[in-house]
Amino acid sequence: MDRYAPLRTRTIALVGLMGVGKSSVGRRLANALELPFRDADAEVEAAAGRSIKEIFSELGEAAFRDGERRVIQRLLEEPPHVLATGGGAFMNDDTRALLKSQALVVWLKADLELLARRVGRKDTRPLLQDSDPLSVLKSQAETRYPVYAQAHVTVETGDTAHHVTVGQVIEALTRYLEGDKA
């Protein structure tokens, strides 16, 4: 019997703060489960014909979030896959309702100082422009953690190899689905 079959019945959506590994873990999770991988940020960029940084600077965050919601809605109409969402996607009430009703939502959670080290290496994150990564992440954690906690499962990750996190996600989802049947 295929032990991963129950995990292939719905899209698995990864939520969490920037730098937690939604895209990199998501790719490996999709590979392990033999599912397609989709990255909401990349899909938004393709739909808009510009980078997220450009969307933020030219149209603002509200326009970006609206486009993100529409893209995620379209992606959730596709066959099951692993979906990496942007860090703020789950904060939108409509997007969160869509994800919770049509996908298995996994909150990837990691130490803020670890995340600050990871995201401080890149300048592609609009919400970090001219800001201290740790203070931005602390502020985001205060507002986002109570909302992220509405995910179906939470997986605490550390500074470990991605395959370890993938194993933790598979184990947490399996336990969740088995509990669903009880």
Protein backbone atom coordinates (compact mmCIF):
# COMPACT_ATOMS: atom_id res chain seq x y z
CA MET A 1 0.00 0.00 0.00
CA ASP A 2 1.15 3.52 -0.81
CA ARG A 3 1.56 5.21 2.60
CA TYR A 4 1.59 8.68 1.01
CA ALA A 5 -1.69 8.24 -0.90
CA PRO A 6 -3.77 10.09 1.75
CA LEU A 7 -1.40 13.06 1.43
CA ARG A 8 -2.10 13.33 -2.30
CA THR A 9 -5.85 13.95 -2.04
CA ARG A 10 -5.66 17.71 -1.35
CA THR A 11 -3.21 20.47 -2.03
CA ILE A 12 -0.72 20.98 0.78
CA ALA A 13 -0.15 24.69 1.40
CA LEU A 14 2.86 25.91 3.35
CA VAL A 15 2.55 29.14 5.35
CA GLY A 16 5.00 30.96 7.61
CA LEU A 17 7.32 33.91 7.88
CA MET A 18 9.80 34.81 5.16
CA GLY A 19 12.92 32.68 5.22
CA VAL A 20 11.32 29.69 6.95
CA GLY A 21 11.79 27.53 3.85
CA LYS A 22 8.33 27.37 2.29
CA SER A 23 9.74 27.20 -1.25
CA SER A 24 12.82 25.06 -0.62
CA VAL A 25 11.03 22.63 1.72
CA GLY A 26 7.98 22.73 -0.56
CA ARG A 27 9.98 21.58 -3.59
CA ARG A 28 11.44 18.66 -1.64
CA LEU A 29 8.07 17.78 -0.10
CA ALA A 30 6.48 17.72 -3.55
CA ASN A 31 9.27 15.47 -4.78
CA ALA A 32 8.88 13.10 -1.82
CA LEU A 33 5.11 12.87 -2.34
CA GLU A 34 5.38 12.77 -6.16
CA LEU A 35 3.20 15.87 -6.46
CA PRO A 36 3.68 18.99 -8.57
CA PHE A 37 5.16 22.03 -6.80
CA ARG A 38 3.78 25.55 -7.20
CA ASP A 39 5.19 28.74 -5.74
CA ALA A 40 2.51 31.41 -5.26
CA ASP A 41 5.05 34.25 -5.48
CA ALA A 42 6.40 32.96 -8.81
CA GLU A 43 2.82 32.53 -10.08
CA VAL A 44 1.94 36.10 -9.04
CA GLU A 45 5.02 37.42 -10.85
CA ALA A 46 4.12 35.45 -13.99
CA ALA A 47 0.52 36.70 -13.90
CA ALA A 48 1.56 40.32 -13.34
CA GLY A 49 4.51 40.26 -15.73
CA ARG A 50 6.73 41.90 -13.10
CA SER A 51 8.62 41.07 -9.92
CA ILE A 52 7.03 41.19 -6.49
CA LYS A 53 9.41 44.03 -5.62
CA GLU A 54 8.08 45.98 -8.65
CA ILE A 55 4.45 45.18 -7.78
CA PHE A 56 4.99 46.50 -4.24
CA SER A 57 6.76 49.67 -5.38
CA GLU A 58 4.49 50.45 -8.36
CA LEU A 59 1.08 49.25 -7.14
CA GLY A 60 1.42 48.84 -3.38
CA GLU A 61 0.91 45.96 -0.98
CA ALA A 62 -2.90 45.99 -1.24
CA ALA A 63 -2.78 45.41 -5.01
CA PHE A 64 -0.20 42.67 -4.52
CA ARG A 65 -2.37 40.91 -1.89
CA ASP A 66 -5.41 41.08 -4.17
CA GLY A 67 -3.47 39.54 -7.05
CA GLU A 68 -2.02 36.95 -4.70
CA ARG A 69 -5.52 35.95 -3.52
CA ARG A 70 -6.73 35.54 -7.12
CA VAL A 71 -3.68 33.46 -8.06
CA ILE A 72 -4.03 31.20 -5.01
CA GLN A 73 -7.73 30.73 -5.78
CA ARG A 74 -6.83 29.66 -9.33
CA LEU A 75 -4.10 27.31 -8.07
CA LEU A 76 -6.49 25.66 -5.61
CA GLU A 77 -8.74 24.72 -8.54
CA GLU A 78 -5.90 22.61 -9.97
CA PRO A 79 -5.26 18.96 -9.02
CA PRO A 80 -3.47 18.42 -5.68
CA HIS A 81 0.03 19.85 -5.42
CA VAL A 82 2.36 21.39 -2.85
CA LEU A 83 1.91 25.15 -2.70
CA ALA A 84 4.40 27.55 -1.14
CA THR A 85 2.58 30.76 -0.23
CA GLY A 86 4.00 34.20 0.41
CA GLY A 87 4.54 35.07 4.07
CA GLY A 88 1.55 37.42 4.17
CA ALA A 89 -0.89 35.38 2.08
CA PHE A 90 -2.51 33.62 5.05
CA MET A 91 -3.16 37.01 6.71
CA ASN A 92 -5.82 37.85 4.09
CA ASP A 93 -9.19 36.64 5.42
CA ASP A 94 -10.42 35.48 2.01
CA THR A 95 -7.15 33.74 1.10
CA ARG A 96 -7.01 32.05 4.51
CA ALA A 97 -10.60 30.80 4.18
CA LEU A 98 -9.83 29.41 0.70
CA LEU A 99 -6.68 27.67 1.89
CA LYS A 100 -8.29 26.21 5.01
CA SER A 101 -11.29 24.85 3.11
CA GLN A 102 -9.49 23.53 0.02
CA ALA A 103 -6.01 22.55 1.22
CA LEU A 104 -4.10 21.05 4.10
CA VAL A 105 -2.34 24.06 5.63
CA VAL A 106 1.04 23.59 7.29
CA TRP A 107 2.63 26.38 9.35
CA LEU A 108 6.41 26.14 9.17
CA LYS A 109 7.72 27.89 12.28
CA ALA A 110 11.36 28.64 13.12
CA ASP A 111 13.44 30.73 15.51
CA LEU A 112 13.33 34.42 14.54
CA GLU A 113 17.09 34.93 14.83
CA LEU A 114 17.66 32.03 12.44
CA LEU A 115 15.16 33.54 10.00
CA ALA A 116 16.82 36.96 10.29
CA ARG A 117 20.17 35.45 9.34
CA ARG A 118 18.60 33.70 6.34
CA VAL A 119 16.65 36.67 4.96
CA GLY A 120 19.42 39.16 5.65
CA ARG A 121 21.46 37.53 2.88
CA LYS A 122 19.09 38.66 0.09
CA ASP A 123 17.71 42.04 -0.98
CA THR A 124 14.70 40.64 -2.85
CA ARG A 125 12.20 41.01 -0.01
CA PRO A 126 10.14 44.21 -0.28
CA LEU A 127 9.11 44.21 3.38
CA LEU A 128 12.78 44.33 4.43
CA GLN A 129 13.83 47.35 2.38
CA ASP A 130 15.87 49.67 4.63
CA SER A 131 14.90 47.70 7.75
CA ASP A 132 16.55 45.45 10.30
CA PRO A 133 15.44 41.90 9.46
CA LEU A 134 15.10 40.79 13.10
CA SER A 135 12.93 43.73 14.11
CA VAL A 136 10.70 43.24 11.02
CA LEU A 137 10.37 39.52 11.79
CA LYS A 138 9.57 40.19 15.47
CA SER A 139 6.85 42.62 14.44
CA GLN A 140 5.46 40.16 11.89
CA ALA A 141 5.54 37.32 14.42
CA GLU A 142 3.43 39.37 16.84
CA THR A 143 0.68 39.92 14.28
CA ARG A 144 1.01 36.78 12.16
CA TYR A 145 1.59 33.98 14.67
CA PRO A 146 -1.97 34.05 16.06
CA VAL A 147 -3.27 33.78 12.47
CA TYR A 148 -0.72 31.17 11.35
CA ALA A 149 -1.86 29.13 14.37
CA GLN A 150 -5.12 28.52 12.47
CA ALA A 151 -3.23 26.20 10.09
CA HIS A 152 -4.20 22.54 10.25
CA VAL A 153 -0.75 21.57 11.53
CA THR A 154 2.33 23.35 12.85
CA VAL A 155 5.86 22.07 12.25
CA GLU A 156 8.67 23.61 14.29
CA THR A 157 11.77 23.66 12.13
CA GLY A 158 15.31 24.43 13.10
CA ASP A 159 18.61 24.91 11.37
CA THR A 160 18.37 21.39 9.97
CA ALA A 161 18.59 19.85 6.53
CA HIS A 162 15.49 20.28 4.39
CA HIS A 163 14.88 16.52 4.24
CA VAL A 164 14.48 16.53 8.04
CA THR A 165 11.77 19.19 7.79
CA VAL A 166 10.10 17.29 4.94
CA GLY A 167 9.96 14.21 7.18
CA GLN A 168 8.47 16.29 10.00
CA VAL A 169 5.79 17.71 7.66
CA ILE A 170 4.85 14.27 6.33
CA GLU A 171 4.65 12.89 9.88
CA ALA A 172 2.53 15.82 11.13
CA LEU A 173 0.13 15.62 8.18
CA THR A 174 -0.20 11.85 8.53
CA ARG A 175 -1.04 12.22 12.24
CA TYR A 176 -3.53 14.99 11.42
CA LEU A 177 -5.29 12.93 8.74
CA GLU A 178 -5.40 9.84 10.95
CA GLY A 179 -6.94 11.97 13.70
CA ASP A 180 -9.43 13.30 11.15
CA LYS A 181 -10.77 9.77 10.66
CA ALA A 182 -11.15 9.03 14.36
